Amino acid sequence: MDSKTGSFECADRILAGGVLTLADLPPKTLKRWVARRKADVIAAVEGGLLPDSEACARYNISREEFSAWLTAFKQDGLSGLRAKAMAHGRRTKRDNRPDVFHAAPEPVLHTGLD
């Protein structure tokens, strides 16, 4: 597995109907998590390759962090796993924001110098 594109090879193999193995997963010593690598670990747990407790121990992440990954992935897909999305609490249109914004009930006149 190529260290630069390994995660993409893993995803391509799954999409092509291949079997995911432990050798396809990110290395245990991984320090920088990108969305695709998180998705690979989620796929391994969801596919039954390894239990979530083993995944957490393998990658030294808490169950809460893995649960947050899983929730983000289920809500927003791969984009929900990006660090920026995680830092902002995965703010999407579904999160307490109205779909339609209304104008002020009456116009506010500005005279220039207040």
Protein backbone atom coordinates (compact mmCIF):
# COMPACT_ATOMS: atom_id res chain seq x y z
CA MET A 1 0.00 0.00 0.00
CA ASP A 2 1.36 3.40 -0.99
CA SER A 3 1.68 5.68 2.04
CA LYS A 4 0.43 8.71 0.09
CA THR A 5 -2.59 7.09 -1.56
CA GLY A 6 -3.21 4.08 0.66
CA SER A 7 -6.53 5.32 1.94
CA PHE A 8 -7.81 5.94 -1.55
CA GLU A 9 -6.72 2.47 -2.62
CA CYS A 10 -8.62 1.08 0.37
CA ALA A 11 -11.80 2.96 -0.59
CA ASP A 12 -11.43 1.95 -4.25
CA ARG A 13 -11.05 -1.69 -3.26
CA ILE A 14 -14.22 -1.58 -1.18
CA LEU A 15 -16.16 0.13 -3.97
CA ALA A 16 -14.96 -2.51 -6.42
CA GLY A 17 -16.40 -5.23 -4.18
CA GLY A 18 -13.09 -6.22 -2.62
CA VAL A 19 -12.46 -7.29 0.93
CA LEU A 20 -11.12 -4.88 3.53
CA THR A 21 -8.28 -6.30 5.63
CA LEU A 22 -6.30 -4.97 8.59
CA ALA A 23 -3.39 -4.41 6.21
CA ASP A 24 -5.55 -1.90 4.32
CA LEU A 25 -6.18 0.26 7.39
CA PRO A 26 -4.12 3.30 8.37
CA PRO A 27 -0.96 2.57 10.40
CA LYS A 28 -1.30 2.29 14.17
CA THR A 29 1.19 5.13 14.67
CA LEU A 30 -0.84 7.63 12.66
CA LYS A 31 -0.65 11.16 14.06
CA ARG A 32 -2.58 13.19 11.46
CA TRP A 33 -6.13 12.13 10.74
CA VAL A 34 -7.73 13.14 7.46
CA ALA A 35 -11.36 12.46 6.61
CA ARG A 36 -10.63 9.50 4.32
CA ARG A 37 -8.58 7.68 6.97
CA LYS A 38 -11.34 8.18 9.53
CA ALA A 39 -13.80 6.77 6.99
CA ASP A 40 -11.57 3.72 6.49
CA VAL A 41 -11.64 2.98 10.24
CA ILE A 42 -15.41 3.51 10.35
CA ALA A 43 -15.81 1.11 7.40
CA ALA A 44 -13.73 -1.50 9.22
CA VAL A 45 -15.85 -1.24 12.37
CA GLU A 46 -19.18 -1.08 10.54
CA GLY A 47 -18.12 -3.99 8.31
CA GLY A 48 -17.23 -6.15 11.31
CA LEU A 49 -13.49 -6.30 10.62
CA LEU A 50 -12.73 -5.11 14.15
CA PRO A 51 -14.87 -4.03 17.10
CA ASP A 52 -15.02 -0.36 18.03
CA SER A 53 -13.16 -0.99 21.28
CA GLU A 54 -10.27 -2.55 19.35
CA ALA A 55 -10.25 0.33 16.86
CA CYS A 56 -10.08 2.84 19.72
CA ALA A 57 -7.21 0.95 21.36
CA ARG A 58 -5.40 0.44 18.04
CA TYR A 59 -5.47 4.16 17.19
CA ASN A 60 -5.35 5.53 20.77
CA ILE A 61 -8.63 7.42 20.45
CA SER A 62 -11.43 7.62 22.99
CA ARG A 63 -14.80 5.99 22.46
CA GLU A 64 -16.31 9.48 22.54
CA GLU A 65 -14.06 10.62 19.69
CA PHE A 66 -14.88 7.54 17.61
CA SER A 67 -18.58 8.05 18.36
CA ALA A 68 -18.26 11.66 17.16
CA TRP A 69 -16.66 10.41 13.92
CA LEU A 70 -19.47 7.94 13.41
CA THR A 71 -22.18 10.53 14.06
CA ALA A 72 -20.51 13.06 11.78
CA PHE A 73 -20.16 10.49 9.00
CA LYS A 74 -23.79 9.38 9.29
CA GLN A 75 -25.03 12.98 9.24
CA ASP A 76 -22.78 14.58 6.64
CA GLY A 77 -20.77 11.83 4.97
CA LEU A 78 -17.08 12.25 4.29
CA SER A 79 -17.27 16.06 4.55
CA GLY A 80 -18.50 15.73 8.14
CA LEU A 81 -15.24 14.03 9.08
CA ARG A 82 -13.06 16.96 8.05
CA ALA A 83 -11.27 18.67 10.93
CA LYS A 84 -12.84 22.03 10.10
CA ALA A 85 -16.35 20.53 10.21
CA MET A 86 -15.59 18.75 13.49
CA ALA A 87 -14.22 21.96 15.04
CA HIS A 88 -17.35 23.87 14.09
CA GLY A 89 -19.66 21.19 15.40
CA ARG A 90 -20.66 20.10 11.89
CA ARG A 91 -22.85 23.13 11.44
CA THR A 92 -25.20 22.32 8.61
CA LYS A 93 -28.53 23.58 7.42
CA ARG A 94 -30.21 21.05 9.69
CA ASP A 95 -28.71 22.57 12.83
CA ASN A 96 -31.32 25.01 14.19
CA ARG A 97 -31.07 27.36 11.28
CA PRO A 98 -34.21 28.40 9.47
CA ASP A 99 -34.46 27.45 5.81
CA VAL A 100 -35.94 30.86 5.00
CA PHE A 101 -34.73 34.16 6.36
CA HIS A 102 -37.28 36.93 6.85
CA ALA A 103 -36.74 40.64 6.45
CA ALA A 104 -37.22 43.05 9.33
CA PRO A 105 -40.92 43.83 9.89
CA GLU A 106 -40.47 47.53 9.10
CA PRO A 107 -37.72 49.39 7.28
CA VAL A 108 -35.06 51.20 9.28
CA LEU A 109 -34.20 54.60 7.84
CA HIS A 110 -30.66 55.90 8.11
CA THR A 111 -30.17 59.64 7.95
CA GLY A 112 -26.42 59.52 7.53
CA LEU A 113 -25.18 61.14 10.74
CA ASP A 114 -26.54 59.61 13.88
